[in-house]
């Protein structure tokens, strides 16, 4: 499976959940090219591309954990509110 730099994050998540075979379908049929796009993907959408319900739930759980981790990183590097007030 060729790794495109723009969707390398997707390849990694699919590899971790052992669902690599769905990479092309997720990109082309569901038009998911960014982690945030998964906000609009539901279990039924993944079932329509041939993924079983347990696998779809596993993937969405992993994506949600990854999204929370990304948000936490942004929060940590942002300036504290108190610092902004002092300016």
N, C-alpha and C. Protein backbone atom coordinates (compact mmCIF):
# COMPACT_ATOMS: atom_id res chain seq x y z
N UNK A 1 0.84 -1.16 0.00
CA UNK A 1 0.00 0.00 0.00
C UNK A 1 0.89 1.23 0.00
N UNK A 2 0.73 2.08 -0.99
CA UNK A 2 1.57 3.27 -1.10
C UNK A 2 1.14 4.30 -0.06
N UNK A 3 2.12 4.85 0.61
CA UNK A 3 1.81 5.84 1.64
C UNK A 3 1.96 7.24 1.06
N UNK A 4 0.88 7.95 1.04
CA UNK A 4 0.87 9.33 0.62
C UNK A 4 1.14 10.17 1.87
N UNK A 5 2.03 11.13 1.76
CA UNK A 5 2.41 11.93 2.93
C UNK A 5 1.20 12.60 3.57
N UNK A 6 0.22 13.02 2.75
CA UNK A 6 -0.96 13.70 3.28
C UNK A 6 -1.85 12.78 4.11
N UNK A 7 -1.85 11.50 3.80
CA UNK A 7 -2.72 10.57 4.51
C UNK A 7 -1.93 9.50 5.26
N UNK A 8 -0.70 9.80 5.57
CA UNK A 8 0.12 8.84 6.32
C UNK A 8 -0.51 8.54 7.67
N UNK A 9 -1.13 9.54 8.29
CA UNK A 9 -1.81 9.35 9.58
C UNK A 9 -2.89 8.27 9.45
N UNK A 10 -3.61 8.27 8.31
CA UNK A 10 -4.66 7.28 8.08
C UNK A 10 -4.06 5.89 7.94
N UNK A 11 -2.98 5.80 7.18
CA UNK A 11 -2.31 4.52 7.01
C UNK A 11 -1.87 3.95 8.36
N UNK A 12 -1.36 4.82 9.22
CA UNK A 12 -0.88 4.37 10.54
C UNK A 12 -2.03 3.88 11.41
N UNK A 13 -3.14 4.62 11.43
CA UNK A 13 -4.30 4.22 12.22
C UNK A 13 -4.86 2.90 11.71
N UNK A 14 -4.95 2.76 10.40
CA UNK A 14 -5.49 1.52 9.83
C UNK A 14 -4.56 0.34 10.11
N UNK A 15 -3.27 0.58 10.09
CA UNK A 15 -2.33 -0.49 10.40
C UNK A 15 -2.46 -0.92 11.87
N UNK A 16 -2.60 0.05 12.75
CA UNK A 16 -2.74 -0.25 14.18
C UNK A 16 -4.02 -1.02 14.48
N UNK A 17 -5.05 -0.80 13.68
CA UNK A 17 -6.33 -1.49 13.89
C UNK A 17 -6.49 -2.68 12.95
N UNK A 18 -5.45 -2.97 12.19
CA UNK A 18 -5.43 -4.09 11.24
C UNK A 18 -6.54 -3.98 10.19
N UNK A 19 -6.73 -2.77 9.67
CA UNK A 19 -7.77 -2.52 8.67
C UNK A 19 -7.19 -1.83 7.43
N UNK A 20 -5.93 -2.13 7.11
CA UNK A 20 -5.23 -1.47 6.00
C UNK A 20 -5.97 -1.60 4.67
N UNK A 21 -6.69 -2.69 4.49
CA UNK A 21 -7.35 -2.93 3.20
C UNK A 21 -8.44 -1.90 2.89
N UNK A 22 -8.83 -1.09 3.86
CA UNK A 22 -9.89 -0.10 3.64
C UNK A 22 -9.36 1.30 3.35
N UNK A 23 -8.06 1.46 3.27
CA UNK A 23 -7.47 2.79 3.09
C UNK A 23 -8.01 3.49 1.84
N UNK A 24 -7.99 2.82 0.72
CA UNK A 24 -8.44 3.44 -0.52
C UNK A 24 -9.92 3.78 -0.47
N UNK A 25 -10.74 2.89 0.05
CA UNK A 25 -12.18 3.15 0.15
C UNK A 25 -12.48 4.32 1.06
N UNK A 26 -11.76 4.41 2.16
CA UNK A 26 -11.99 5.53 3.10
C UNK A 26 -11.63 6.85 2.43
N UNK A 27 -10.52 6.86 1.70
CA UNK A 27 -10.11 8.10 1.02
C UNK A 27 -11.04 8.44 -0.14
N UNK A 28 -11.35 7.46 -0.98
CA UNK A 28 -12.07 7.75 -2.22
C UNK A 28 -13.59 7.75 -2.08
N UNK A 29 -14.14 6.83 -1.30
CA UNK A 29 -15.60 6.75 -1.18
C UNK A 29 -16.14 7.64 -0.06
N UNK A 30 -15.41 7.71 1.04
CA UNK A 30 -15.87 8.54 2.16
C UNK A 30 -15.22 9.92 2.16
N UNK A 31 -14.25 10.12 1.27
CA UNK A 31 -13.56 11.41 1.11
C UNK A 31 -12.91 11.90 2.40
N UNK A 32 -12.33 10.97 3.15
CA UNK A 32 -11.63 11.32 4.38
C UNK A 32 -10.16 11.51 4.05
N UNK A 33 -9.69 12.75 4.18
CA UNK A 33 -8.29 13.05 3.92
C UNK A 33 -7.62 13.74 5.10
N UNK A 34 -8.41 14.08 6.11
CA UNK A 34 -7.88 14.68 7.33
C UNK A 34 -8.53 14.00 8.52
N UNK A 35 -7.82 13.97 9.62
CA UNK A 35 -8.33 13.32 10.83
C UNK A 35 -9.67 13.91 11.24
N UNK A 36 -9.82 15.21 11.10
CA UNK A 36 -11.05 15.88 11.50
C UNK A 36 -12.25 15.46 10.66
N UNK A 37 -12.03 14.97 9.45
CA UNK A 37 -13.13 14.52 8.60
C UNK A 37 -13.89 13.36 9.22
N UNK A 38 -13.24 12.60 10.09
CA UNK A 38 -13.90 11.46 10.73
C UNK A 38 -15.03 11.90 11.65
N UNK A 39 -15.12 13.19 11.97
CA UNK A 39 -16.25 13.66 12.78
C UNK A 39 -17.57 13.36 12.10
N UNK A 40 -17.56 13.28 10.79
CA UNK A 40 -18.79 13.09 10.03
C UNK A 40 -19.00 11.65 9.58
N UNK A 41 -18.10 10.75 9.94
CA UNK A 41 -18.19 9.35 9.55
C UNK A 41 -18.88 8.57 10.66
N UNK A 42 -19.87 7.77 10.28
CA UNK A 42 -20.59 6.94 11.24
C UNK A 42 -20.35 5.48 10.92
N UNK A 43 -20.70 4.63 11.86
CA UNK A 43 -20.51 3.19 11.70
C UNK A 43 -21.14 2.71 10.40
N UNK A 44 -22.33 3.21 10.08
CA UNK A 44 -23.04 2.79 8.86
C UNK A 44 -22.24 3.12 7.61
N UNK A 45 -21.55 4.25 7.61
CA UNK A 45 -20.73 4.64 6.45
C UNK A 45 -19.62 3.61 6.22
N UNK A 46 -18.99 3.19 7.31
CA UNK A 46 -17.91 2.21 7.20
C UNK A 46 -18.45 0.84 6.79
N UNK A 47 -19.65 0.51 7.25
CA UNK A 47 -20.27 -0.75 6.85
C UNK A 47 -20.57 -0.76 5.35
N UNK A 48 -20.93 0.40 4.79
CA UNK A 48 -21.23 0.50 3.36
C UNK A 48 -20.01 0.22 2.48
N UNK A 49 -18.81 0.43 3.02
CA UNK A 49 -17.60 0.15 2.23
C UNK A 49 -17.07 -1.25 2.52
N UNK A 50 -17.86 -2.04 3.26
CA UNK A 50 -17.51 -3.44 3.47
C UNK A 50 -16.88 -3.77 4.81
N UNK A 51 -16.80 -2.82 5.70
CA UNK A 51 -16.20 -3.06 7.01
C UNK A 51 -17.27 -3.61 7.95
N UNK A 52 -16.91 -4.59 8.73
CA UNK A 52 -17.83 -5.14 9.71
C UNK A 52 -18.07 -4.17 10.85
N UNK A 53 -19.19 -4.33 11.54
CA UNK A 53 -19.55 -3.42 12.63
C UNK A 53 -18.50 -3.39 13.75
N UNK A 54 -17.99 -4.54 14.22
CA UNK A 54 -16.96 -4.48 15.26
C UNK A 54 -15.69 -3.75 14.80
N UNK A 55 -15.31 -3.98 13.55
CA UNK A 55 -14.12 -3.31 13.01
C UNK A 55 -14.36 -1.81 12.89
N UNK A 56 -15.56 -1.43 12.46
CA UNK A 56 -15.89 -0.01 12.33
C UNK A 56 -15.84 0.68 13.69
N UNK A 57 -16.39 0.03 14.70
CA UNK A 57 -16.34 0.61 16.05
C UNK A 57 -14.90 0.73 16.55
N UNK A 58 -14.10 -0.29 16.27
CA UNK A 58 -12.69 -0.28 16.68
C UNK A 58 -11.96 0.89 16.02
N UNK A 59 -12.21 1.08 14.74
CA UNK A 59 -11.57 2.18 14.01
C UNK A 59 -12.02 3.53 14.56
N UNK A 60 -13.32 3.71 14.74
CA UNK A 60 -13.83 4.99 15.23
C UNK A 60 -13.34 5.29 16.64
N UNK A 61 -13.22 4.26 17.48
CA UNK A 61 -12.66 4.46 18.82
C UNK A 61 -11.21 4.94 18.73
N UNK A 62 -10.44 4.31 17.86
CA UNK A 62 -9.03 4.70 17.68
C UNK A 62 -8.93 6.13 17.15
N UNK A 63 -9.77 6.47 16.19
CA UNK A 63 -9.77 7.82 15.62
C UNK A 63 -10.13 8.84 16.69
N UNK A 64 -11.14 8.55 17.50
CA UNK A 64 -11.53 9.49 18.56
C UNK A 64 -10.42 9.69 19.58
N UNK A 65 -9.73 8.62 19.93
CA UNK A 65 -8.59 8.75 20.85
C UNK A 65 -7.49 9.61 20.22
N UNK A 66 -7.25 9.40 18.94
CA UNK A 66 -6.22 10.17 18.23
C UNK A 66 -6.60 11.64 18.14
N UNK A 67 -7.88 11.92 17.88
CA UNK A 67 -8.34 13.30 17.81
C UNK A 67 -8.20 14.00 19.15
N UNK A 68 -8.52 13.30 20.24
CA UNK A 68 -8.37 13.88 21.58
C UNK A 68 -6.91 14.16 21.88
N UNK A 69 -6.05 13.22 21.48
CA UNK A 69 -4.61 13.40 21.70
C UNK A 69 -4.11 14.63 20.94
N UNK A 70 -4.56 14.81 19.71
CA UNK A 70 -4.16 15.97 18.91
C UNK A 70 -4.65 17.26 19.54
N UNK A 71 -5.86 17.26 20.06
CA UNK A 71 -6.41 18.43 20.72
C UNK A 71 -5.62 18.76 21.97
N UNK A 72 -5.26 17.75 22.75
CA UNK A 72 -4.48 17.99 23.96
C UNK A 72 -3.12 18.60 23.66
N UNK A 73 -2.51 18.19 22.58
CA UNK A 73 -1.22 18.76 22.19
C UNK A 73 -1.38 20.24 21.87
N UNK A 74 -2.42 20.59 21.16
CA UNK A 74 -2.66 21.99 20.81
C UNK A 74 -2.90 22.80 22.08
N UNK A 75 -3.66 22.25 23.02
CA UNK A 75 -3.91 22.95 24.28
C UNK A 75 -2.62 23.20 25.04
N UNK A 76 -1.72 22.23 25.02
CA UNK A 76 -0.47 22.36 25.78
C UNK A 76 0.45 23.42 25.19
N UNK A 77 0.44 23.60 23.88
CA UNK A 77 1.35 24.57 23.27
C UNK A 77 0.73 25.95 23.17
N UNK A 78 -0.55 26.08 23.43
CA UNK A 78 -1.21 27.38 23.41
C UNK A 78 -0.78 28.19 24.62
N UNK A 79 -0.83 29.48 24.47
CA UNK A 79 -0.51 30.35 25.60
C UNK A 79 -1.58 30.22 26.67
N UNK A 80 -1.17 30.23 27.91
CA UNK A 80 -2.16 30.22 28.99
C UNK A 80 -3.00 31.49 28.95
N UNK A 81 -4.25 31.36 29.31
CA UNK A 81 -5.18 32.48 29.31
C UNK A 81 -4.66 33.63 30.18
N UNK A 82 -4.08 33.30 31.34
CA UNK A 82 -3.56 34.32 32.25
C UNK A 82 -2.45 35.14 31.59
N UNK A 83 -1.64 34.50 30.78
CA UNK A 83 -0.55 35.19 30.10
C UNK A 83 -1.11 36.22 29.13
N UNK A 84 -2.15 35.86 28.42
CA UNK A 84 -2.76 36.77 27.44
C UNK A 84 -3.37 37.98 28.16
N UNK A 85 -4.00 37.76 29.30
CA UNK A 85 -4.61 38.85 30.07
C UNK A 85 -3.55 39.86 30.49
N UNK A 86 -2.38 39.37 30.87
CA UNK A 86 -1.31 40.26 31.34
C UNK A 86 -0.79 41.15 30.22
N UNK A 87 -0.94 40.72 28.99
CA UNK A 87 -0.48 41.54 27.87
C UNK A 87 -1.44 42.67 27.69
